[in-house]
Protein backbone atom coordinates (compact mmCIF):
# COMPACT_ATOMS: atom_id res chain seq x y z
CA MET A 1 -13.22 -16.53 13.68
CA ILE A 2 -10.03 -14.89 11.50
CA ASP A 3 -10.35 -11.56 13.79
CA LEU A 4 -9.49 -14.33 17.19
CA LEU A 5 -6.74 -16.35 15.17
CA SER A 6 -5.13 -13.31 13.87
CA ARG A 7 -5.16 -10.99 17.33
CA ALA A 8 -3.20 -14.36 19.24
CA GLY A 9 -0.81 -14.40 15.51
CA LYS A 10 -1.68 -17.55 13.86
CA LEU A 11 -2.42 -15.57 10.67
CA GLY A 12 -1.62 -18.66 8.92
CA GLU A 13 -4.50 -20.52 10.22
CA ALA A 14 -6.11 -17.13 9.23
CA LYS A 15 -5.44 -17.53 6.10
CA ARG A 16 -5.84 -20.77 5.38
CA LEU A 17 -9.24 -20.65 6.69
CA ILE A 18 -10.02 -17.58 4.37
CA GLU A 19 -9.21 -20.05 1.80
CA THR A 20 -11.06 -23.02 3.18
CA MET A 21 -14.34 -21.08 3.61
CA PRO A 22 -17.12 -22.60 1.65
CA PHE A 23 -17.96 -19.34 -0.35
CA THR A 24 -16.08 -16.58 -1.78
CA PRO A 25 -14.10 -14.34 1.06
CA GLY A 26 -15.39 -10.35 1.26
CA MET A 27 -13.06 -7.49 2.15
CA ALA A 28 -13.55 -8.13 5.85
CA ALA A 29 -11.88 -11.88 5.90
CA TRP A 30 -9.02 -9.79 3.86
CA ALA A 31 -8.91 -6.65 5.61
CA THR A 32 -8.97 -8.41 8.83
CA LEU A 33 -6.23 -10.20 8.27
CA LEU A 34 -3.79 -7.84 6.87
CA GLY A 35 -4.80 -5.28 9.72
CA ALA A 36 -2.99 -8.24 12.07
CA CYS A 37 -0.03 -8.34 9.59
CA ARG A 38 0.57 -4.47 9.95
CA LYS A 39 0.92 -5.02 14.13
CA HIS A 40 2.54 -8.41 13.62
CA GLY A 41 5.06 -7.41 10.87
CA LYS A 42 4.13 -10.17 8.49
CA MET A 43 5.28 -8.24 4.85
CA GLU A 44 4.27 -11.23 2.48
CA LEU A 45 1.33 -12.25 4.17
CA ALA A 46 0.23 -8.89 3.92
CA GLU A 47 1.43 -8.27 0.42
CA ILE A 48 -1.33 -11.06 -0.73
CA ALA A 49 -4.20 -9.91 1.64
CA ALA A 50 -4.00 -6.53 0.06
CA ASN A 51 -3.76 -8.03 -2.90
CA GLU A 52 -6.71 -9.65 -2.40
CA LEU A 53 -8.45 -6.80 -1.34
CA LEU A 54 -7.08 -4.90 -4.48
CA GLN A 55 -9.13 -8.14 -6.99
CA LEU A 56 -12.22 -7.31 -4.67
CA GLU A 57 -12.03 -3.50 -4.86
CA PRO A 58 -9.25 -1.75 -7.20
CA THR A 59 -10.01 1.72 -6.77
CA ASN A 60 -10.00 1.28 -2.44
CA ALA A 61 -6.94 2.96 -1.15
CA THR A 62 -6.59 1.11 1.78
CA PRO A 63 -4.46 -1.54 1.19
CA TYR A 64 -2.01 0.52 -0.46
CA VAL A 65 -2.45 3.15 2.65
CA VAL A 66 -1.59 0.04 5.06
CA LEU A 67 0.93 -1.23 3.46
CA ALA A 68 2.88 2.21 2.67
CA ASN A 69 2.66 2.41 6.90
CA MET A 70 3.93 -1.27 7.28
CA TYR A 71 7.18 -0.18 5.24
CA THR A 72 8.04 2.13 7.77
CA ASP A 73 6.11 1.75 11.43
CA PHE A 74 9.08 -0.18 12.01
CA GLY A 75 11.64 -0.14 14.61
CA GLU A 76 15.05 2.42 13.95
CA GLY A 77 17.41 -0.22 12.89
CA GLU A 78 14.69 -1.84 10.71
CA LYS A 79 13.31 1.73 10.06
CA GLU A 80 16.54 3.21 8.06
CA THR A 81 16.47 0.35 6.04
CA ARG A 82 13.35 0.36 4.65
CA LEU A 83 13.10 4.05 4.60
CA ARG A 84 16.14 4.26 1.95
CA HIS A 85 13.75 2.10 -0.25
CA HIS A 86 11.14 5.11 -0.01
CA SER A 87 7.74 3.61 0.59
CA GLU A 88 5.99 5.69 -1.76
CA LYS A 89 7.62 3.92 -4.57
CA LEU A 90 7.08 0.74 -3.16
CA ALA A 91 3.43 1.50 -2.65
CA VAL A 92 3.50 2.96 -6.04
CA ALA A 93 5.62 -0.17 -8.13
CA PHE A 94 2.64 -2.40 -5.69
CA GLY A 95 0.23 -0.35 -7.05
CA LEU A 96 1.48 -1.00 -10.71
CA LEU A 97 0.95 -4.10 -10.33
CA SER A 98 -1.65 -4.70 -9.33
CA THR A 99 -4.13 -2.43 -10.99
CA THR A 100 -5.75 -2.12 -14.29
CA ASP A 101 -4.02 -0.31 -16.88
CA GLY A 102 -5.01 3.82 -16.48
CA ALA A 103 -6.78 3.04 -12.73
CA PRO A 104 -5.10 5.38 -10.72
CA ILE A 105 -2.88 5.33 -7.91
CA VAL A 106 -3.19 6.77 -4.41
CA VAL A 107 -0.39 6.83 -1.49
CA MET A 108 -1.11 7.84 1.79
CA LYS A 109 1.83 8.55 4.13
CA ASN A 110 2.55 10.78 7.26
CA LEU A 111 6.16 11.75 6.01
CA ARG A 112 7.61 15.02 4.03
CA ILE A 113 7.77 13.08 0.26
CA CYS A 114 11.47 13.69 -0.59
CA GLY A 115 12.93 15.06 -3.86
CA ASP A 116 14.06 11.45 -5.44
CA CYS A 117 10.85 10.27 -5.06
CA HIS A 118 8.46 13.60 -6.23
CA ASN A 119 10.66 13.30 -8.99
CA ALA A 120 10.16 9.46 -9.50
CA MET A 121 6.60 10.03 -9.22
CA LYS A 122 6.41 12.64 -12.31
CA TYR A 123 8.21 10.13 -14.39
CA ILE A 124 6.37 7.02 -13.75
CA SER A 125 3.04 8.76 -14.14
CA GLN A 126 4.15 9.90 -17.93
CA ILE A 127 5.34 6.68 -18.46
CA SER A 128 2.48 4.44 -17.04
CA CYS A 129 -0.45 6.91 -18.22
CA ARG A 130 -1.64 7.19 -15.25
CA LYS A 131 -2.91 9.77 -12.28
CA ILE A 132 -0.94 9.06 -9.07
CA THR A 133 -1.95 11.34 -6.00
CA VAL A 134 0.49 10.84 -3.13
CA ARG A 135 -0.59 12.47 -0.15
CA ASP A 136 2.29 13.82 2.46
CA ALA A 137 2.69 15.57 5.94
CA ASN A 138 1.50 19.11 3.97
CA ARG A 139 0.07 17.89 1.08
CA PHE A 140 -1.71 16.44 -1.49
CA HIS A 141 0.97 16.17 -4.69
CA CYS A 142 -1.53 15.24 -7.60
CA PHE A 143 0.58 13.43 -10.51
CA GLU A 144 -0.31 13.93 -13.88
CA ARG A 145 1.85 13.30 -17.44
CA GLY A 146 4.88 13.64 -15.89
CA ASN A 147 4.01 17.49 -13.77
CA CYS A 148 2.89 17.70 -9.99
CA SER A 149 0.14 20.13 -9.04
CA CYS A 150 2.57 21.50 -6.78
CA GLY A 151 4.65 22.68 -9.80
CA ASP A 152 7.81 21.59 -8.12
CA TYR A 153 7.20 23.52 -5.00
CA TRP A 154 6.62 21.75 -1.91
């Protein structure tokens, strides 16, 4: 039922159905809703669904990936506006807010990481004492204690 409502674009109804279930909804319910939000461009609801998924399974990278993709899979005009915020920084900020202290953060994107984001990840890993892994179009960047595995050559 959640899938059918989501496919029809009735995301609010799908969310209410999940919230009124007589049992605790599992990963499948929230993942279905999250997937529909990428398709229909409902960012606020996507963040709620992603947060619920992360509560159920904090080390699962899927919600981060879907959110990062949502911040970059828009029309050209809106894409330019959203990309100036650098999607990997937004994904890491969401990860810092929604996971327990010390938990690693993984971000996957299909574009090359820019120099600004690369430097930001080094500082964030040092300040937060977290391991942050960013997979860009070319390689994996593992940031830990202010250093990147690529040796600042990317």
